[in-house]
């Protein structure tokens, strides 16, 4: 298993071949690109898409990453759909009006396509987060570091938007338990 990254100012005879990419702490300031046309993102997926493109890691993403980022945003919608079904009441289903029935039909269709369950969704979310550099492990593997760029926009990229699964607290609980 690889160790920690070498100190930046330490002089080595066998200098690393792959340089470290320095990402601005203020995140990406360019406008958020549109999701691919094939990606049908719901409210939570669109919120995650917007948040992801404001992170420092987004500065290093290439246009080819958009499909992977759209897939990750779609997983946020899947996780939200599972949470919505867990909170449904039978009386809500029976008294649904026409607009609610359409929304319910879409929700049930999405759930029918999620045969693998919550655990598989969370596993794929974690793997995509690693590949996109959204985890410490992913940032170390990509040799990315976040550096202060002097901008004041540090709080917007710190927490995911409302409704988006924040796995940080769950990871912290699991780490503390072991």
Foldseek 3Di string as FASTA:
>chain_A
DDDFDDDPPDDDPCDDPDAAAEFALQFDDDDQDDQDPVQDADPQLVLQSRLVRRGSLVVVDDPVCRVLSSVLSVLQVLVLLVVVVVPDDPVCVVPPDPVRVVVVVVSVVSVVVPPPDDVVSVVSNVVSCLCSVVDVNSSRVNNYHYDHPPDPNNPSNPDRDPSGDDCPVVVVVVVVVD
